C-alpha atoms as a PDB file:
ATOM      1  CA  MET A   1     147.181 132.507 251.120  1.00  0.00           C
ATOM      2  CA  ASN A   2     146.380 136.025 252.294  1.00  0.00           C
ATOM      3  CA  ASN A   3     146.913 137.411 248.764  1.00  0.00           C
ATOM      4  CA  THR A   4     144.507 134.822 247.373  1.00  0.00           C
ATOM      5  CA  LYS A   5     141.926 135.751 249.992  1.00  0.00           C
ATOM      6  CA  ASN A   6     142.357 139.462 249.250  1.00  0.00           C
ATOM      7  CA  ARG A   7     142.103 138.804 245.495  1.00  0.00           C
ATOM      8  CA  LYS A   8     138.863 136.866 245.991  1.00  0.00           C
ATOM      9  CA  GLN A   9     137.463 139.685 248.131  1.00  0.00           C
ATOM     10  CA  GLU A  10     138.484 142.265 245.502  1.00  0.00           C
ATOM     11  CA  GLU A  11     136.871 140.162 242.769  1.00  0.00           C
ATOM     12  CA  LYS A  12     133.656 139.918 244.770  1.00  0.00           C
ATOM     13  CA  GLN A  13     133.647 143.662 245.485  1.00  0.00           C
ATOM     14  CA  THR A  14     134.364 144.462 241.852  1.00  0.00           C
ATOM     15  CA  LYS A  15     131.554 142.217 240.612  1.00  0.00           C
ATOM     16  CA  GLU A  16     129.157 143.741 243.109  1.00  0.00           C
ATOM     17  CA  GLN A  17     130.044 147.208 241.788  1.00  0.00           C
ATOM     18  CA  GLY A  18     129.144 146.038 238.290  1.00  0.00           C
ATOM     19  CA  LYS A  19     132.710 146.113 236.978  1.00  0.00           C
ATOM     20  CA  THR A  20     133.327 143.986 233.909  1.00  0.00           C
ATOM     21  CA  TRP A  21     136.310 141.613 233.792  1.00  0.00           C
ATOM     22  CA  ILE A  22     138.067 140.712 230.559  1.00  0.00           C
ATOM     23  CA  LEU A  23     140.446 137.758 230.398  1.00  0.00           C
ATOM     24  CA  VAL A  24     143.071 138.292 227.691  1.00  0.00           C
ATOM     25  CA  ALA A  25     144.811 135.027 226.784  1.00  0.00           C
ATOM     26  CA  VAL A  26     148.138 135.523 225.022  1.00  0.00           C
ATOM     27  CA  ASP A  27     151.118 133.431 224.071  1.00  0.00           C
ATOM     28  CA  ASN A  28     154.535 134.399 222.723  1.00  0.00           C
ATOM     29  CA  SER A  29     153.302 134.499 219.133  1.00  0.00           C
ATOM     30  CA  GLU A  30     153.366 137.522 216.885  1.00  0.00           C
ATOM     31  CA  TYR A  31     149.601 137.906 217.475  1.00  0.00           C
ATOM     32  CA  ALA A  32     149.941 138.871 221.145  1.00  0.00           C
ATOM     33  CA  LYS A  33     150.401 142.551 220.283  1.00  0.00           C
ATOM     34  CA  THR A  34     147.278 142.588 218.073  1.00  0.00           C
ATOM     35  CA  VAL A  35     145.240 140.796 220.760  1.00  0.00           C
ATOM     36  CA  ALA A  36     146.420 143.274 223.423  1.00  0.00           C
ATOM     37  CA  GLU A  37     145.558 146.249 221.207  1.00  0.00           C
ATOM     38  CA  GLU A  38     142.027 144.939 220.672  1.00  0.00           C
ATOM     39  CA  ALA A  39     141.653 144.129 224.380  1.00  0.00           C
ATOM     40  CA  ALA A  40     142.673 147.690 225.280  1.00  0.00           C
ATOM     41  CA  LYS A  41     140.032 149.125 222.924  1.00  0.00           C
ATOM     42  CA  VAL A  42     137.301 146.944 224.417  1.00  0.00           C
ATOM     43  CA  ALA A  43     138.430 147.530 228.012  1.00  0.00           C
ATOM     44  CA  LEU A  44     138.532 151.308 227.581  1.00  0.00           C
ATOM     45  CA  GLU A  45     135.145 151.341 225.879  1.00  0.00           C
ATOM     46  CA  LYS A  46     133.543 149.158 228.575  1.00  0.00           C
ATOM     47  CA  LYS A  47     135.616 150.538 231.473  1.00  0.00           C
ATOM     48  CA  ALA A  48     136.481 146.921 232.225  1.00  0.00           C
ATOM     49  CA  ASN A  49     139.272 145.467 234.303  1.00  0.00           C
ATOM     50  CA  VAL A  50     141.704 143.166 232.529  1.00  0.00           C
ATOM     51  CA  VAL A  51     143.672 140.051 233.391  1.00  0.00           C
ATOM     52  CA  PHE A  52     146.409 138.988 230.975  1.00  0.00           C
ATOM     53  CA  LEU A  53     146.781 135.211 231.109  1.00  0.00           C
ATOM     54  CA  SER A  54     149.481 132.997 229.645  1.00  0.00           C
ATOM     55  CA  VAL A  55     149.846 129.280 230.162  1.00  0.00           C
ATOM     56  CA  VAL A  56     153.180 127.473 230.169  1.00  0.00           C
ATOM     57  CA  PRO A  57     152.345 124.254 228.322  1.00  0.00           C
ATOM     58  CA  ILE A  58     153.101 120.998 230.120  1.00  0.00           C
ATOM     59  CA  PRO A  59     153.217 118.145 227.573  1.00  0.00           C
ATOM     60  CA  SER A  60     150.558 115.507 228.194  1.00  0.00           C
ATOM     61  CA  LEU A  61     153.239 112.804 228.268  1.00  0.00           C
ATOM     62  CA  VAL A  62     154.626 114.317 231.459  1.00  0.00           C
ATOM     63  CA  ALA A  63     152.673 112.967 234.415  1.00  0.00           C
ATOM     64  CA  SER A  64     153.024 116.071 236.572  1.00  0.00           C
ATOM     65  CA  GLU A  65     154.699 119.459 236.820  1.00  0.00           C
ATOM     66  CA  GLY A  66     157.103 117.954 239.357  1.00  0.00           C
ATOM     67  CA  GLU A  67     158.593 115.748 236.647  1.00  0.00           C
ATOM     68  CA  PHE A  68     159.194 118.764 234.441  1.00  0.00           C
ATOM     69  CA  SER A  69     162.312 120.932 234.512  1.00  0.00           C
ATOM     70  CA  SER A  70     161.887 123.827 236.919  1.00  0.00           C
ATOM     71  CA  GLU A  71     164.481 125.655 234.837  1.00  0.00           C
ATOM     72  CA  TYR A  72     162.163 125.403 231.804  1.00  0.00           C
ATOM     73  CA  LEU A  73     159.154 126.580 233.819  1.00  0.00           C
ATOM     74  CA  ASN A  74     161.067 129.521 235.307  1.00  0.00           C
ATOM     75  CA  GLU A  75     162.367 130.555 231.890  1.00  0.00           C
ATOM     76  CA  LYS A  76     158.886 130.432 230.319  1.00  0.00           C
ATOM     77  CA  GLU A  77     157.349 132.294 233.255  1.00  0.00           C
ATOM     78  CA  LYS A  78     159.937 135.070 232.857  1.00  0.00           C
ATOM     79  CA  GLU A  79     159.244 135.271 229.114  1.00  0.00           C
ATOM     80  CA  PHE A  80     155.506 135.559 229.722  1.00  0.00           C
ATOM     81  CA  GLN A  81     155.930 138.101 232.532  1.00  0.00           C
ATOM     82  CA  ASN A  82     158.121 140.255 230.273  1.00  0.00           C
ATOM     83  CA  LEU A  83     155.538 139.926 227.497  1.00  0.00           C
ATOM     84  CA  HIS A  84     152.699 140.919 229.835  1.00  0.00           C
ATOM     85  CA  ASN A  85     154.644 143.925 231.124  1.00  0.00           C
ATOM     86  CA  LYS A  86     155.396 145.070 227.584  1.00  0.00           C
ATOM     87  CA  LEU A  87     151.783 144.625 226.415  1.00  0.00           C
ATOM     88  CA  ILE A  88     150.366 146.368 229.481  1.00  0.00           C
ATOM     89  CA  ASP A  89     152.822 149.269 229.315  1.00  0.00           C
ATOM     90  CA  SER A  90     152.197 149.865 225.612  1.00  0.00           C
ATOM     91  CA  ASN A  91     148.390 149.571 225.701  1.00  0.00           C
ATOM     92  CA  PHE A  92     147.180 150.787 229.113  1.00  0.00           C
ATOM     93  CA  LYS A  93     147.955 154.175 230.613  1.00  0.00           C
ATOM     94  CA  PRO A  94     148.381 154.271 234.395  1.00  0.00           C
ATOM     95  CA  ASP A  95     145.680 156.951 234.708  1.00  0.00           C
ATOM     96  CA  SER A  96     143.110 155.044 232.615  1.00  0.00           C
ATOM     97  CA  GLY A  97     141.199 153.893 235.692  1.00  0.00           C
ATOM     98  CA  ILE A  98     141.461 150.292 234.501  1.00  0.00           C
ATOM     99  CA  LEU A  99     142.886 147.620 236.765  1.00  0.00           C
ATOM    100  CA  VAL A 100     145.228 145.394 234.740  1.00  0.00           C
ATOM    101  CA  GLU A 101     146.635 142.193 236.204  1.00  0.00           C
ATOM    102  CA  SER A 102     148.958 139.451 235.004  1.00  0.00           C
ATOM    103  CA  LYS A 103     148.559 135.720 235.612  1.00  0.00           C
ATOM    104  CA  ILE A 104     150.750 132.819 234.489  1.00  0.00           C
ATOM    105  CA  LEU A 105     149.642 129.214 234.873  1.00  0.00           C
ATOM    106  CA  HIS A 106     151.079 125.794 233.940  1.00  0.00           C
ATOM    107  CA  GLY A 107     149.293 123.003 232.106  1.00  0.00           C
ATOM    108  CA  ASN A 108     147.098 122.470 229.089  1.00  0.00           C
ATOM    109  CA  PRO A 109     146.475 125.994 227.671  1.00  0.00           C
ATOM    110  CA  PRO A 110     142.873 125.623 226.468  1.00  0.00           C
ATOM    111  CA  ASP A 111     141.734 123.879 229.651  1.00  0.00           C
ATOM    112  CA  LYS A 112     143.509 126.394 231.894  1.00  0.00           C
ATOM    113  CA  ILE A 113     142.022 129.362 230.000  1.00  0.00           C
ATOM    114  CA  VAL A 114     138.481 128.009 230.368  1.00  0.00           C
ATOM    115  CA  LYS A 115     138.969 127.141 234.043  1.00  0.00           C
ATOM    116  CA  TYR A 116     140.587 130.450 234.979  1.00  0.00           C
ATOM    117  CA  ALA A 117     137.870 132.428 233.179  1.00  0.00           C
ATOM    118  CA  ASP A 118     135.354 130.636 235.402  1.00  0.00           C
ATOM    119  CA  GLU A 119     137.447 131.248 238.533  1.00  0.00           C
ATOM    120  CA  ILE A 120     137.494 135.011 238.017  1.00  0.00           C
ATOM    121  CA  ASP A 121     133.968 135.058 236.607  1.00  0.00           C
ATOM    122  CA  ALA A 122     135.218 136.776 233.432  1.00  0.00           C
ATOM    123  CA  ASP A 123     132.605 138.508 231.337  1.00  0.00           C
ATOM    124  CA  LEU A 124     134.643 138.088 228.158  1.00  0.00           C
ATOM    125  CA  ILE A 125     137.674 136.141 226.933  1.00  0.00           C
ATOM    126  CA  ILE A 126     139.778 137.794 224.246  1.00  0.00           C
ATOM    127  CA  MET A 127     142.343 135.701 222.404  1.00  0.00           C
ATOM    128  CA  GLY A 128     143.992 135.289 219.033  1.00  0.00           C
ATOM    129  CA  ASN A 129     143.672 132.735 216.305  1.00  0.00           C
ATOM    130  CA  LYS A 130     146.936 131.741 214.700  1.00  0.00           C
ATOM    131  CA  GLY A 131     145.197 130.486 211.583  1.00  0.00           C
ATOM    132  CA  GLN A 132     147.236 127.312 211.514  1.00  0.00           C
ATOM    133  CA  GLY A 133     145.315 125.857 208.592  1.00  0.00           C
ATOM    134  CA  LYS A 134     142.722 123.126 208.239  1.00  0.00           C
ATOM    135  CA  LEU A 135     145.100 120.152 208.316  1.00  0.00           C
ATOM    136  CA  ALA A 136     147.018 121.328 211.381  1.00  0.00           C
ATOM    137  CA  ASN A 137     143.744 122.210 213.073  1.00  0.00           C
ATOM    138  CA  VAL A 138     142.352 118.714 212.443  1.00  0.00           C
ATOM    139  CA  LEU A 139     145.535 117.023 213.632  1.00  0.00           C
ATOM    140  CA  LEU A 140     146.442 119.265 216.544  1.00  0.00           C
ATOM    141  CA  GLY A 141     143.255 121.069 217.466  1.00  0.00           C
ATOM    142  CA  SER A 142     143.087 124.774 218.125  1.00  0.00           C
ATOM    143  CA  VAL A 143     143.340 126.509 221.482  1.00  0.00           C
ATOM    144  CA  SER A 144     140.819 129.157 220.428  1.00  0.00           C
ATOM    145  CA  GLU A 145     138.427 126.546 219.016  1.00  0.00           C
ATOM    146  CA  HIS A 146     138.568 124.570 222.266  1.00  0.00           C
ATOM    147  CA  VAL A 147     137.910 127.689 224.348  1.00  0.00           C
ATOM    148  CA  VAL A 148     134.982 128.756 222.147  1.00  0.00           C
ATOM    149  CA  HIS A 149     133.368 125.320 222.415  1.00  0.00           C
ATOM    150  CA  HIS A 150     134.040 124.612 226.097  1.00  0.00           C
ATOM    151  CA  SER A 151     133.706 127.968 227.836  1.00  0.00           C
ATOM    152  CA  LYS A 152     130.443 129.333 229.205  1.00  0.00           C
ATOM    153  CA  ARG A 153     131.889 132.815 228.599  1.00  0.00           C
ATOM    154  CA  SER A 154     131.662 134.998 225.522  1.00  0.00           C
ATOM    155  CA  VAL A 155     134.839 134.756 223.465  1.00  0.00           C
ATOM    156  CA  LEU A 156     136.249 137.364 221.089  1.00  0.00           C
ATOM    157  CA  ILE A 157     138.704 135.904 218.587  1.00  0.00           C
ATOM    158  CA  VAL A 158     141.127 138.457 217.187  1.00  0.00           C
ATOM    159  CA  LYS A 159     142.276 137.707 213.666  1.00  0.00           C
ATOM    160  CA  LYS A 160     145.677 138.671 212.312  1.00  0.00           C
ATOM    161  CA  LYS A 161     145.783 142.072 210.638  1.00  0.00           C
ATOM    162  CA  ASN A 162     147.000 141.976 207.057  1.00  0.00           C
END
């Protein structure tokens, strides 16, 4: 509780000082590295603080997180934390003056990304586009498409480098 209160106070202080916040949404795909590289460029240019966000998907057929295997959740959280650490260490130098945080949530990824961006009052969301194709996009929907259409925030979609 105290950490949450301190985080909210820090966010308020940071916003008052005119500091920009960038939310970087990544998953365990091969595009995470490219997204992190682009986020680092933008953050350094804008002198913005960064929050890396990953969402452990909870299938919609499961009524609640409590009905889901805690072993699965713990394993996915560890994978995402390791990914965040690797991306942060390889793209942000400790003396850069940029605050970089890591956040892992559970639930529906596109909804959680939009909601968390609002919670931290992010100035920009940076995320990848897997390019899953028109048919898959029609049948499954796209996380990036959902975020672009439902967020009040600006969204930068990073395409795969060839």
